[in-house]
PDB file of N, CA and C in Angstrom:
ATOM      1  N   MET A   1      85.082 110.437 132.523  1.00  0.00           N
ATOM      2  CA  MET A   1      83.889 109.575 132.604  1.00  0.00           C
ATOM      3  C   MET A   1      83.434 109.212 131.155  1.00  0.00           C
ATOM      4  N   SER A   2      82.754 108.159 131.007  1.00  0.00           N
ATOM      5  CA  SER A   2      82.247 107.769 129.698  1.00  0.00           C
ATOM      6  C   SER A   2      80.986 108.515 129.333  1.00  0.00           C
ATOM      7  N   GLU A   3      80.279 109.054 130.303  1.00  0.00           N
ATOM      8  CA  GLU A   3      78.982 109.734 130.065  1.00  0.00           C
ATOM      9  C   GLU A   3      77.923 108.738 129.442  1.00  0.00           C
ATOM     10  N   LEU A   4      78.102 107.446 129.637  1.00  0.00           N
ATOM     11  CA  LEU A   4      77.109 106.488 129.234  1.00  0.00           C
ATOM     12  C   LEU A   4      75.990 106.476 130.238  1.00  0.00           C
ATOM     13  N   ASP A   5      74.813 106.362 129.718  1.00  0.00           N
ATOM     14  CA  ASP A   5      73.638 106.186 130.586  1.00  0.00           C
ATOM     15  C   ASP A   5      73.698 104.853 131.362  1.00  0.00           C
ATOM     16  N   ALA A   6      73.329 104.834 132.636  1.00  0.00           N
ATOM     17  CA  ALA A   6      73.425 103.618 133.447  1.00  0.00           C
ATOM     18  C   ALA A   6      72.700 102.468 132.786  1.00  0.00           C
ATOM     19  N   LYS A   7      71.601 102.770 132.141  1.00  0.00           N
ATOM     20  CA  LYS A   7      70.804 101.727 131.470  1.00  0.00           C
ATOM     21  C   LYS A   7      71.652 100.972 130.425  1.00  0.00           C
ATOM     22  N   THR A   8      72.498 101.771 129.716  1.00  0.00           N
ATOM     23  CA  THR A   8      73.391 101.211 128.719  1.00  0.00           C
ATOM     24  C   THR A   8      74.339 100.159 129.352  1.00  0.00           C
ATOM     25  N   LEU A   9      74.818 100.474 130.487  1.00  0.00           N
ATOM     26  CA  LEU A   9      75.757  99.547 131.155  1.00  0.00           C
ATOM     27  C   LEU A   9      75.055  98.350 131.792  1.00  0.00           C
ATOM     28  N   LEU A  10      73.866  98.543 132.261  1.00  0.00           N
ATOM     29  CA  LEU A  10      73.212  97.452 133.022  1.00  0.00           C
ATOM     30  C   LEU A  10      72.380  96.514 132.156  1.00  0.00           C
ATOM     31  N   GLU A  11      71.860  97.038 131.015  1.00  0.00           N
ATOM     32  CA  GLU A  11      71.047  96.218 130.142  1.00  0.00           C
ATOM     33  C   GLU A  11      71.851  95.971 128.871  1.00  0.00           C
ATOM     34  N   LYS A  12      71.459  94.903 128.202  1.00  0.00           N
ATOM     35  CA  LYS A  12      72.164  94.610 126.969  1.00  0.00           C
ATOM     36  C   LYS A  12      71.844  95.657 125.945  1.00  0.00           C
ATOM     37  N   ASN A  13      72.906  96.267 125.409  1.00  0.00           N
ATOM     38  CA  ASN A  13      72.797  97.317 124.461  1.00  0.00           C
ATOM     39  C   ASN A  13      73.893  97.208 123.422  1.00  0.00           C
ATOM     40  N   ASP A  14      73.491  97.338 122.172  1.00  0.00           N
ATOM     41  CA  ASP A  14      74.459  97.128 121.066  1.00  0.00           C
ATOM     42  C   ASP A  14      75.665  98.010 121.235  1.00  0.00           C
ATOM     43  N   LEU A  15      75.516  99.292 121.589  1.00  0.00           N
ATOM     44  CA  LEU A  15      76.605 100.244 121.734  1.00  0.00           C
ATOM     45  C   LEU A  15      77.572  99.723 122.749  1.00  0.00           C
ATOM     46  N   PHE A  16      77.026  99.358 123.926  1.00  0.00           N
ATOM     47  CA  PHE A  16      77.910  98.878 124.985  1.00  0.00           C
ATOM     48  C   PHE A  16      78.636  97.557 124.602  1.00  0.00           C
ATOM     49  N   VAL A  17      77.933  96.691 123.975  1.00  0.00           N
ATOM     50  CA  VAL A  17      78.473  95.363 123.608  1.00  0.00           C
ATOM     51  C   VAL A  17      79.679  95.634 122.670  1.00  0.00           C
ATOM     52  N   GLU A  18      79.470  96.577 121.788  1.00  0.00           N
ATOM     53  CA  GLU A  18      80.546  96.836 120.748  1.00  0.00           C
ATOM     54  C   GLU A  18      81.805  97.437 121.406  1.00  0.00           C
ATOM     55  N   PHE A  19      81.600  98.327 122.439  1.00  0.00           N
ATOM     56  CA  PHE A  19      82.731  98.977 123.031  1.00  0.00           C
ATOM     57  C   PHE A  19      83.135  98.380 124.429  1.00  0.00           C
ATOM     58  N   LYS A  20      82.535  97.265 124.775  1.00  0.00           N
ATOM     59  CA  LYS A  20      82.807  96.656 126.108  1.00  0.00           C
ATOM     60  C   LYS A  20      84.280  96.326 126.247  1.00  0.00           C
ATOM     61  N   GLY A  21      84.938  95.780 125.228  1.00  0.00           N
ATOM     62  CA  GLY A  21      86.324  95.457 125.277  1.00  0.00           C
ATOM     63  C   GLY A  21      87.207  96.700 125.486  1.00  0.00           C
ATOM     64  N   ALA A  22      86.881  97.747 124.691  1.00  0.00           N
ATOM     65  CA  ALA A  22      87.664  98.991 124.845  1.00  0.00           C
ATOM     66  C   ALA A  22      87.452  99.643 126.225  1.00  0.00           C
ATOM     67  N   LEU A  23      86.293  99.597 126.725  1.00  0.00           N
ATOM     68  CA  LEU A  23      86.056 100.172 128.072  1.00  0.00           C
ATOM     69  C   LEU A  23      86.801  99.394 129.158  1.00  0.00           C
ATOM     70  N   THR A  24      86.798  98.071 129.025  1.00  0.00           N
ATOM     71  CA  THR A  24      87.502  97.205 129.966  1.00  0.00           C
ATOM     72  C   THR A  24      88.984  97.384 129.902  1.00  0.00           C
ATOM     73  N   GLU A  25      89.533  97.547 128.722  1.00  0.00           N
ATOM     74  CA  GLU A  25      90.979  97.883 128.557  1.00  0.00           C
ATOM     75  C   GLU A  25      91.339  99.185 129.119  1.00  0.00           C
ATOM     76  N   GLN A  26      90.436 100.193 128.926  1.00  0.00           N
ATOM     77  CA  GLN A  26      90.659 101.549 129.543  1.00  0.00           C
ATOM     78  C   GLN A  26      90.696 101.472 131.027  1.00  0.00           C
ATOM     79  N   TYR A  27      89.775 100.688 131.638  1.00  0.00           N
ATOM     80  CA  TYR A  27      89.717 100.519 133.082  1.00  0.00           C
ATOM     81  C   TYR A  27      91.057  99.955 133.569  1.00  0.00           C
ATOM     82  N   VAL A  28      91.524  98.878 132.903  1.00  0.00           N
ATOM     83  CA  VAL A  28      92.762  98.232 133.325  1.00  0.00           C
ATOM     84  C   VAL A  28      93.941  99.215 133.236  1.00  0.00           C
ATOM     85  N   LEU A  29      94.008 100.004 132.125  1.00  0.00           N
ATOM     86  CA  LEU A  29      95.036 100.992 131.943  1.00  0.00           C
ATOM     87  C   LEU A  29      95.001 102.019 133.103  1.00  0.00           C
ATOM     88  N   GLN A  30      93.819 102.444 133.399  1.00  0.00           N
ATOM     89  CA  GLN A  30      93.708 103.486 134.515  1.00  0.00           C
ATOM     90  C   GLN A  30      94.201 102.870 135.818  1.00  0.00           C
ATOM     91  N   GLN A  31      93.833 101.621 136.107  1.00  0.00           N
ATOM     92  CA  GLN A  31      94.248 100.991 137.336  1.00  0.00           C
ATOM     93  C   GLN A  31      95.801 100.797 137.363  1.00  0.00           C
ATOM     94  N   LEU A  32      96.333 100.347 136.285  1.00  0.00           N
ATOM     95  CA  LEU A  32      97.777 100.151 136.247  1.00  0.00           C
ATOM     96  C   LEU A  32      98.567 101.493 136.437  1.00  0.00           C
ATOM     97  N   VAL A  33      98.121 102.512 135.791  1.00  0.00           N
ATOM     98  CA  VAL A  33      98.803 103.813 135.912  1.00  0.00           C
ATOM     99  C   VAL A  33      98.620 104.453 137.267  1.00  0.00           C
ATOM    100  N   SER A  34      97.419 104.270 137.807  1.00  0.00           N
ATOM    101  CA  SER A  34      97.117 104.957 139.102  1.00  0.00           C
ATOM    102  C   SER A  34      97.636 104.217 140.334  1.00  0.00           C
ATOM    103  N   TYR A  35      97.638 102.822 140.310  1.00  0.00           N
ATOM    104  CA  TYR A  35      97.924 102.071 141.474  1.00  0.00           C
ATOM    105  C   TYR A  35      99.135 101.155 141.483  1.00  0.00           C
ATOM    106  N   THR A  36      99.878 101.193 140.367  1.00  0.00           N
ATOM    107  CA  THR A  36     101.061 100.380 140.294  1.00  0.00           C
ATOM    108  C   THR A  36     102.263 101.189 139.909  1.00  0.00           C
ATOM    109  N   GLU A  37     103.408 100.647 139.974  1.00  0.00           N
ATOM    110  CA  GLU A  37     104.649 101.302 139.552  1.00  0.00           C
ATOM    111  C   GLU A  37     104.994 101.036 138.078  1.00  0.00           C
ATOM    112  N   TYR A  38     104.168 100.246 137.415  1.00  0.00           N
ATOM    113  CA  TYR A  38     104.488  99.842 136.027  1.00  0.00           C
ATOM    114  C   TYR A  38     104.178 100.968 135.019  1.00  0.00           C
ATOM    115  N   THR A  39     104.881 100.965 133.910  1.00  0.00           N
ATOM    116  CA  THR A  39     104.563 101.704 132.765  1.00  0.00           C
ATOM    117  C   THR A  39     104.023 100.710 131.740  1.00  0.00           C
ATOM    118  N   PRO A  40     102.744 100.726 131.429  1.00  0.00           N
ATOM    119  CA  PRO A  40     102.206  99.753 130.511  1.00  0.00           C
ATOM    120  C   PRO A  40     102.590 100.070 129.023  1.00  0.00           C
ATOM    121  N   TYR A  41     102.874  99.013 128.289  1.00  0.00           N
ATOM    122  CA  TYR A  41     103.179  99.087 126.847  1.00  0.00           C
ATOM    123  C   TYR A  41     102.148  98.214 126.086  1.00  0.00           C
ATOM    124  N   TYR A  42     102.016  98.507 124.789  1.00  0.00           N
ATOM    125  CA  TYR A  42     101.198  97.687 123.936  1.00  0.00           C
ATOM    126  C   TYR A  42     102.118  96.907 122.981  1.00  0.00           C
ATOM    127  N   TYR A  43     101.735  95.725 122.605  1.00  0.00           N
ATOM    128  CA  TYR A  43     102.545  94.930 121.665  1.00  0.00           C
ATOM    129  C   TYR A  43     101.676  94.412 120.555  1.00  0.00           C
ATOM    130  N   GLY A  44     102.082  94.616 119.310  1.00  0.00           N
ATOM    131  CA  GLY A  44     101.400  94.032 118.135  1.00  0.00           C
ATOM    132  C   GLY A  44     102.534  93.311 117.315  1.00  0.00           C
ATOM    133  N   SER A  45     102.301  92.116 116.919  1.00  0.00           N
ATOM    134  CA  SER A  45     103.263  91.380 116.103  1.00  0.00           C
ATOM    135  C   SER A  45     103.289  91.947 114.658  1.00  0.00           C
ATOM    136  N   GLU A  46     104.370  91.606 113.996  1.00  0.00           N
ATOM    137  CA  GLU A  46     104.449  91.961 112.590  1.00  0.00           C
ATOM    138  C   GLU A  46     103.254  91.304 111.878  1.00  0.00           C
ATOM    139  N   LYS A  47     102.688  92.005 110.914  1.00  0.00           N
ATOM    140  CA  LYS A  47     101.549  91.501 110.127  1.00  0.00           C
ATOM    141  C   LYS A  47     100.341  91.320 111.010  1.00  0.00           C
ATOM    142  N   ALA A  48     100.342  91.908 112.159  1.00  0.00           N
ATOM    143  CA  ALA A  48      99.143  91.870 113.110  1.00  0.00           C
ATOM    144  C   ALA A  48      98.580  90.505 113.279  1.00  0.00           C
ATOM    145  N   ARG A  49      99.428  89.500 113.462  1.00  0.00           N
ATOM    146  CA  ARG A  49      98.915  88.150 113.683  1.00  0.00           C
ATOM    147  C   ARG A  49      98.341  88.017 115.116  1.00  0.00           C
ATOM    148  N   TYR A  50      98.941  88.734 116.003  1.00  0.00           N
ATOM    149  CA  TYR A  50      98.415  88.798 117.365  1.00  0.00           C
ATOM    150  C   TYR A  50      98.883  90.023 118.073  1.00  0.00           C
ATOM    151  N   GLU A  51      98.249  90.336 119.192  1.00  0.00           N
ATOM    152  CA  GLU A  51      98.587  91.496 119.983  1.00  0.00           C
ATOM    153  C   GLU A  51      98.525  91.152 121.495  1.00  0.00           C
ATOM    154  N   GLN A  52      99.186  91.983 122.248  1.00  0.00           N
ATOM    155  CA  GLN A  52      99.073  91.881 123.700  1.00  0.00           C
ATOM    156  C   GLN A  52      98.508  93.214 124.174  1.00  0.00           C
ATOM    157  N   ASP A  53      97.439  93.246 124.942  1.00  0.00           N
ATOM    158  CA  ASP A  53      96.837  94.447 125.372  1.00  0.00           C
ATOM    159  C   ASP A  53      97.802  95.270 126.174  1.00  0.00           C
ATOM    160  N   PHE A  54      98.592  94.621 127.018  1.00  0.00           N
ATOM    161  CA  PHE A  54      99.645  95.349 127.801  1.00  0.00           C
ATOM    162  C   PHE A  54     100.871  94.485 128.022  1.00  0.00           C
ATOM    163  N   LEU A  55     102.008  95.119 128.041  1.00  0.00           N
ATOM    164  CA  LEU A  55     103.247  94.498 128.499  1.00  0.00           C
ATOM    165  C   LEU A  55     103.763  95.329 129.615  1.00  0.00           C
ATOM    166  N   LEU A  56     104.178  94.651 130.696  1.00  0.00           N
ATOM    167  CA  LEU A  56     104.791  95.285 131.855  1.00  0.00           C
ATOM    168  C   LEU A  56     106.185  94.736 132.000  1.00  0.00           C
ATOM    169  N   GLN A  57     107.033  95.607 132.542  1.00  0.00           N
ATOM    170  CA  GLN A  57     108.407  95.141 132.789  1.00  0.00           C
ATOM    171  C   GLN A  57     108.651  95.138 134.318  1.00  0.00           C
ATOM    172  N   LYS A  58     109.042  94.016 134.857  1.00  0.00           N
ATOM    173  CA  LYS A  58     109.348  93.902 136.260  1.00  0.00           C
ATOM    174  C   LYS A  58     110.780  93.387 136.291  1.00  0.00           C
ATOM    175  N   ASP A  59     111.761  94.302 136.734  1.00  0.00           N
ATOM    176  CA  ASP A  59     113.135  94.033 136.667  1.00  0.00           C
ATOM    177  C   ASP A  59     113.505  93.672 135.171  1.00  0.00           C
ATOM    178  N   LYS A  60     114.034  92.470 135.034  1.00  0.00           N
ATOM    179  CA  LYS A  60     114.360  92.041 133.654  1.00  0.00           C
ATOM    180  C   LYS A  60     113.278  91.181 132.959  1.00  0.00           C
ATOM    181  N   ASP A  61     112.221  91.009 133.641  1.00  0.00           N
ATOM    182  CA  ASP A  61     111.166  90.152 133.152  1.00  0.00           C
ATOM    183  C   ASP A  61     110.024  90.958 132.438  1.00  0.00           C
ATOM    184  N   ILE A  62     109.552  90.463 131.389  1.00  0.00           N
ATOM    185  CA  ILE A  62     108.368  91.063 130.685  1.00  0.00           C
ATOM    186  C   ILE A  62     107.136  90.216 131.013  1.00  0.00           C
ATOM    187  N   ILE A  63     106.058  90.919 131.380  1.00  0.00           N
ATOM    188  CA  ILE A  63     104.776  90.243 131.753  1.00  0.00           C
ATOM    189  C   ILE A  63     103.757  90.655 130.689  1.00  0.00           C
ATOM    190  N   PRO A  64     103.324  89.718 129.854  1.00  0.00           N
ATOM    191  CA  PRO A  64     102.258  89.976 128.853  1.00  0.00           C
ATOM    192  C   PRO A  64     100.881  89.846 129.578  1.00  0.00           C
ATOM    193  N   ILE A  65      99.978  90.779 129.221  1.00  0.00           N
ATOM    194  CA  ILE A  65      98.670  90.828 129.803  1.00  0.00           C
ATOM    195  C   ILE A  65      97.614  90.901 128.750  1.00  0.00           C
ATOM    196  N   GLU A  66      96.658  90.033 128.794  1.00  0.00           N
ATOM    197  CA  GLU A  66      95.484  90.059 127.925  1.00  0.00           C
ATOM    198  C   GLU A  66      94.262  90.311 128.748  1.00  0.00           C
ATOM    199  N   VAL A  67      93.464  91.214 128.296  1.00  0.00           N
ATOM    200  CA  VAL A  67      92.248  91.675 128.970  1.00  0.00           C
ATOM    201  C   VAL A  67      91.045  91.106 128.241  1.00  0.00           C
ATOM    202  N   LYS A  68      90.171  90.455 129.016  1.00  0.00           N
ATOM    203  CA  LYS A  68      88.926  89.833 128.437  1.00  0.00           C
ATOM    204  C   LYS A  68      87.739  90.445 129.075  1.00  0.00           C
ATOM    205  N   ALA A  69      86.818  90.989 128.328  1.00  0.00           N
ATOM    206  CA  ALA A  69      85.637  91.640 128.912  1.00  0.00           C
ATOM    207  C   ALA A  69      84.419  90.682 128.800  1.00  0.00           C
ATOM    208  N   GLU A  70      84.501  89.741 127.960  1.00  0.00           N
ATOM    209  CA  GLU A  70      83.389  88.783 127.702  1.00  0.00           C
ATOM    210  C   GLU A  70      83.589  87.450 128.415  1.00  0.00           C
ATOM    211  N   GLY A  71      82.583  86.620 128.344  1.00  0.00           N
ATOM    212  CA  GLY A  71      82.704  85.285 128.887  1.00  0.00           C
ATOM    213  C   GLY A  71      83.590  84.429 128.072  1.00  0.00           C
ATOM    214  N   ASN A  72      83.797  84.772 126.788  1.00  0.00           N
ATOM    215  CA  ASN A  72      84.703  83.994 125.948  1.00  0.00           C
ATOM    216  C   ASN A  72      86.134  84.403 126.320  1.00  0.00           C
ATOM    217  N   ILE A  73      86.832  83.549 126.981  1.00  0.00           N
ATOM    218  CA  ILE A  73      88.159  83.887 127.542  1.00  0.00           C
ATOM    219  C   ILE A  73      89.267  83.142 126.838  1.00  0.00           C
ATOM    220  N   ARG A  74      89.079  82.716 125.613  1.00  0.00           N
ATOM    221  CA  ARG A  74      90.202  82.090 124.930  1.00  0.00           C
ATOM    222  C   ARG A  74      91.256  83.105 124.745  1.00  0.00           C
ATOM    223  N   SER A  75      92.468  82.699 125.030  1.00  0.00           N
ATOM    224  CA  SER A  75      93.628  83.710 125.066  1.00  0.00           C
ATOM    225  C   SER A  75      94.629  83.259 124.002  1.00  0.00           C
ATOM    226  N   GLN A  76      94.222  83.277 122.719  1.00  0.00           N
ATOM    227  CA  GLN A  76      95.144  82.795 121.669  1.00  0.00           C
ATOM    228  C   GLN A  76      96.347  83.693 121.503  1.00  0.00           C
ATOM    229  N   SER A  77      96.151  84.995 121.604  1.00  0.00           N
ATOM    230  CA  SER A  77      97.274  85.902 121.468  1.00  0.00           C
ATOM    231  C   SER A  77      98.246  85.705 122.641  1.00  0.00           C
ATOM    232  N   LEU A  78      97.698  85.575 123.801  1.00  0.00           N
ATOM    233  CA  LEU A  78      98.587  85.402 124.967  1.00  0.00           C
ATOM    234  C   LEU A  78      99.382  84.068 124.876  1.00  0.00           C
ATOM    235  N   LYS A  79      98.704  83.038 124.371  1.00  0.00           N
ATOM    236  CA  LYS A  79      99.380  81.741 124.194  1.00  0.00           C
ATOM    237  C   LYS A  79     100.475  81.857 123.130  1.00  0.00           C
ATOM    238  N   ALA A  80     100.186  82.558 122.025  1.00  0.00           N
ATOM    239  CA  ALA A  80     101.172  82.703 120.984  1.00  0.00           C
ATOM    240  C   ALA A  80     102.368  83.492 121.492  1.00  0.00           C
ATOM    241  N   PHE A  81     102.121  84.521 122.260  1.00  0.00           N
ATOM    242  CA  PHE A  81     103.288  85.275 122.850  1.00  0.00           C
ATOM    243  C   PHE A  81     104.044  84.398 123.792  1.00  0.00           C
ATOM    244  N   LYS A  82     103.342  83.615 124.587  1.00  0.00           N
ATOM    245  CA  LYS A  82     104.019  82.738 125.565  1.00  0.00           C
ATOM    246  C   LYS A  82     104.913  81.676 124.819  1.00  0.00           C
ATOM    247  N   ASP A  83     104.358  81.189 123.756  1.00  0.00           N
ATOM    248  CA  ASP A  83     105.095  80.120 122.977  1.00  0.00           C
ATOM    249  C   ASP A  83     106.333  80.738 122.329  1.00  0.00           C
ATOM    250  N   LYS A  84     106.237  82.024 121.853  1.00  0.00           N
ATOM    251  CA  LYS A  84     107.343  82.609 121.140  1.00  0.00           C
ATOM    252  C   LYS A  84     108.427  83.148 122.046  1.00  0.00           C
ATOM    253  N   TYR A  85     108.027  83.779 123.194  1.00  0.00           N
ATOM    254  CA  TYR A  85     108.968  84.503 124.025  1.00  0.00           C
ATOM    255  C   TYR A  85     109.234  83.797 125.396  1.00  0.00           C
ATOM    256  N   ASN A  86     108.332  82.910 125.790  1.00  0.00           N
ATOM    257  CA  ASN A  86     108.464  82.129 126.996  1.00  0.00           C
ATOM    258  C   ASN A  86     108.711  83.073 128.253  1.00  0.00           C
ATOM    259  N   PRO A  87     107.801  84.049 128.525  1.00  0.00           N
ATOM    260  CA  PRO A  87     107.941  84.860 129.720  1.00  0.00           C
ATOM    261  C   PRO A  87     107.670  83.994 130.982  1.00  0.00           C
ATOM    262  N   LYS A  88     108.231  84.399 132.135  1.00  0.00           N
ATOM    263  CA  LYS A  88     108.043  83.607 133.357  1.00  0.00           C
ATOM    264  C   LYS A  88     106.577  83.658 133.789  1.00  0.00           C
ATOM    265  N   LEU A  89     105.926  84.784 133.532  1.00  0.00           N
ATOM    266  CA  LEU A  89     104.536  84.941 133.956  1.00  0.00           C
ATOM    267  C   LEU A  89     103.658  85.495 132.813  1.00  0.00           C
ATOM    268  N   SER A  90     102.567  84.931 132.530  1.00  0.00           N
ATOM    269  CA  SER A  90     101.596  85.413 131.600  1.00  0.00           C
ATOM    270  C   SER A  90     100.298  85.620 132.330  1.00  0.00           C
ATOM    271  N   VAL A  91      99.589  86.750 132.058  1.00  0.00           N
ATOM    272  CA  VAL A  91      98.403  87.131 132.876  1.00  0.00           C
ATOM    273  C   VAL A  91      97.269  87.353 131.997  1.00  0.00           C
ATOM    274  N   ARG A  92      96.121  86.801 132.301  1.00  0.00           N
ATOM    275  CA  ARG A  92      94.824  87.188 131.676  1.00  0.00           C
ATOM    276  C   ARG A  92      94.019  87.823 132.799  1.00  0.00           C
ATOM    277  N   LEU A  93      93.493  88.994 132.464  1.00  0.00           N
ATOM    278  CA  LEU A  93      92.522  89.685 133.381  1.00  0.00           C
ATOM    279  C   LEU A  93      91.126  89.534 132.842  1.00  0.00           C
ATOM    280  N   SER A  94      90.253  89.031 133.728  1.00  0.00           N
ATOM    281  CA  SER A  94      88.850  88.799 133.202  1.00  0.00           C
ATOM    282  C   SER A  94      87.936  88.862 134.428  1.00  0.00           C
ATOM    283  N   ALA A  95      86.657  88.623 134.115  1.00  0.00           N
ATOM    284  CA  ALA A  95      85.614  88.591 135.203  1.00  0.00           C
ATOM    285  C   ALA A  95      85.612  87.301 135.974  1.00  0.00           C
ATOM    286  N   LEU A  96      86.426  86.316 135.569  1.00  0.00           N
ATOM    287  CA  LEU A  96      86.535  85.087 136.219  1.00  0.00           C
ATOM    288  C   LEU A  96      87.343  85.182 137.558  1.00  0.00           C
ATOM    289  N   ASP A  97      87.187  84.171 138.361  1.00  0.00           N
ATOM    290  CA  ASP A  97      87.998  84.135 139.608  1.00  0.00           C
ATOM    291  C   ASP A  97      89.444  83.820 139.367  1.00  0.00           C
ATOM    292  N   TYR A  98      90.264  84.021 140.402  1.00  0.00           N
ATOM    293  CA  TYR A  98      91.676  83.761 140.258  1.00  0.00           C
ATOM    294  C   TYR A  98      91.856  82.268 139.938  1.00  0.00           C
ATOM    295  N   LYS A  99      92.783  81.950 139.006  1.00  0.00           N
ATOM    296  CA  LYS A  99      93.083  80.542 138.644  1.00  0.00           C
ATOM    297  C   LYS A  99      94.482  80.496 138.102  1.00  0.00           C
ATOM    298  N   ASP A 100      95.256  79.715 138.733  1.00  0.00           N
ATOM    299  CA  ASP A 100      96.682  79.507 138.278  1.00  0.00           C
ATOM    300  C   ASP A 100      96.666  78.287 137.362  1.00  0.00           C
ATOM    301  N   GLN A 101      96.879  78.548 136.101  1.00  0.00           N
ATOM    302  CA  GLN A 101      96.924  77.423 135.137  1.00  0.00           C
ATOM    303  C   GLN A 101      98.356  77.094 134.808  1.00  0.00           C
ATOM    304  N   GLU A 102      98.541  76.082 134.042  1.00  0.00           N
ATOM    305  CA  GLU A 102      99.849  75.620 133.772  1.00  0.00           C
ATOM    306  C   GLU A 102     100.765  76.678 133.100  1.00  0.00           C
ATOM    307  N   TRP A 103     100.205  77.420 132.167  1.00  0.00           N
ATOM    308  CA  TRP A 103     101.010  78.399 131.362  1.00  0.00           C
ATOM    309  C   TRP A 103     100.647  79.860 131.624  1.00  0.00           C
ATOM    310  N   MET A 104      99.626  80.115 132.396  1.00  0.00           N
ATOM    311  CA  MET A 104      99.226  81.450 132.725  1.00  0.00           C
ATOM    312  C   MET A 104      98.364  81.561 133.925  1.00  0.00           C
ATOM    313  N   VAL A 105      98.212  82.780 134.441  1.00  0.00           N
ATOM    314  CA  VAL A 105      97.372  82.957 135.640  1.00  0.00           C
ATOM    315  C   VAL A 105      96.251  83.912 135.256  1.00  0.00           C
ATOM    316  N   ASN A 106      95.002  83.513 135.679  1.00  0.00           N
ATOM    317  CA  ASN A 106      93.836  84.458 135.455  1.00  0.00           C
ATOM    318  C   ASN A 106      93.644  85.235 136.736  1.00  0.00           C
ATOM    319  N   ILE A 107      93.589  86.550 136.584  1.00  0.00           N
ATOM    320  CA  ILE A 107      93.356  87.429 137.760  1.00  0.00           C
ATOM    321  C   ILE A 107      92.011  88.206 137.502  1.00  0.00           C
ATOM    322  N   PRO A 108      91.175  88.266 138.473  1.00  0.00           N
ATOM    323  CA  PRO A 108      89.915  89.020 138.298  1.00  0.00           C
ATOM    324  C   PRO A 108      90.226  90.490 138.028  1.00  0.00           C
ATOM    325  N   LEU A 109      89.344  91.075 137.250  1.00  0.00           N
ATOM    326  CA  LEU A 109      89.589  92.533 136.886  1.00  0.00           C
ATOM    327  C   LEU A 109      89.679  93.410 138.097  1.00  0.00           C
ATOM    328  N   TYR A 110      88.873  93.106 139.126  1.00  0.00           N
ATOM    329  CA  TYR A 110      88.916  93.963 140.326  1.00  0.00           C
ATOM    330  C   TYR A 110      90.241  93.903 141.051  1.00  0.00           C
ATOM    331  N   ALA A 111      91.089  92.989 140.764  1.00  0.00           N
ATOM    332  CA  ALA A 111      92.343  92.827 141.451  1.00  0.00           C
ATOM    333  C   ALA A 111      93.586  93.289 140.641  1.00  0.00           C
ATOM    334  N   VAL A 112      93.331  94.018 139.551  1.00  0.00           N
ATOM    335  CA  VAL A 112      94.392  94.410 138.658  1.00  0.00           C
ATOM    336  C   VAL A 112      95.471  95.185 139.403  1.00  0.00           C
ATOM    337  N   CYS A 113      95.066  96.040 140.320  1.00  0.00           N
ATOM    338  CA  CYS A 113      96.012  96.897 141.041  1.00  0.00           C
ATOM    339  C   CYS A 113      96.963  96.070 142.002  1.00  0.00           C
ATOM    340  N   ASN A 114      96.706  94.811 142.117  1.00  0.00           N
ATOM    341  CA  ASN A 114      97.512  93.946 142.924  1.00  0.00           C
ATOM    342  C   ASN A 114      98.673  93.272 142.182  1.00  0.00           C
ATOM    343  N   LEU A 115      98.843  93.581 140.924  1.00  0.00           N
ATOM    344  CA  LEU A 115      99.852  92.947 140.117  1.00  0.00           C
ATOM    345  C   LEU A 115     101.205  93.246 140.645  1.00  0.00           C
TER     346      LEU A 115
END
């Protein structure tokens, strides 16, 4: 457990805002490890131009996953990975509803275990 005070999570707090992304990524990792058959991997490009929060392997396919904790859901790293490697499926996990876009699918955070 994070041992954060509930007030920190429910009200705007600088500490929580700073670590919101890390906490969200940790939640996704726990869900993937606990409820799926996948082994999650991390990917960072040379010279750290972009990163993928998680890579999953399904048979011979690689699935890049970007996790977004904020309302700003621009997925530049996911798009760069898609353009370079052209995976069949690219996934963004966020607080938004499910949306199948032309080049990627947005899946709500609560549904991560259904990947």
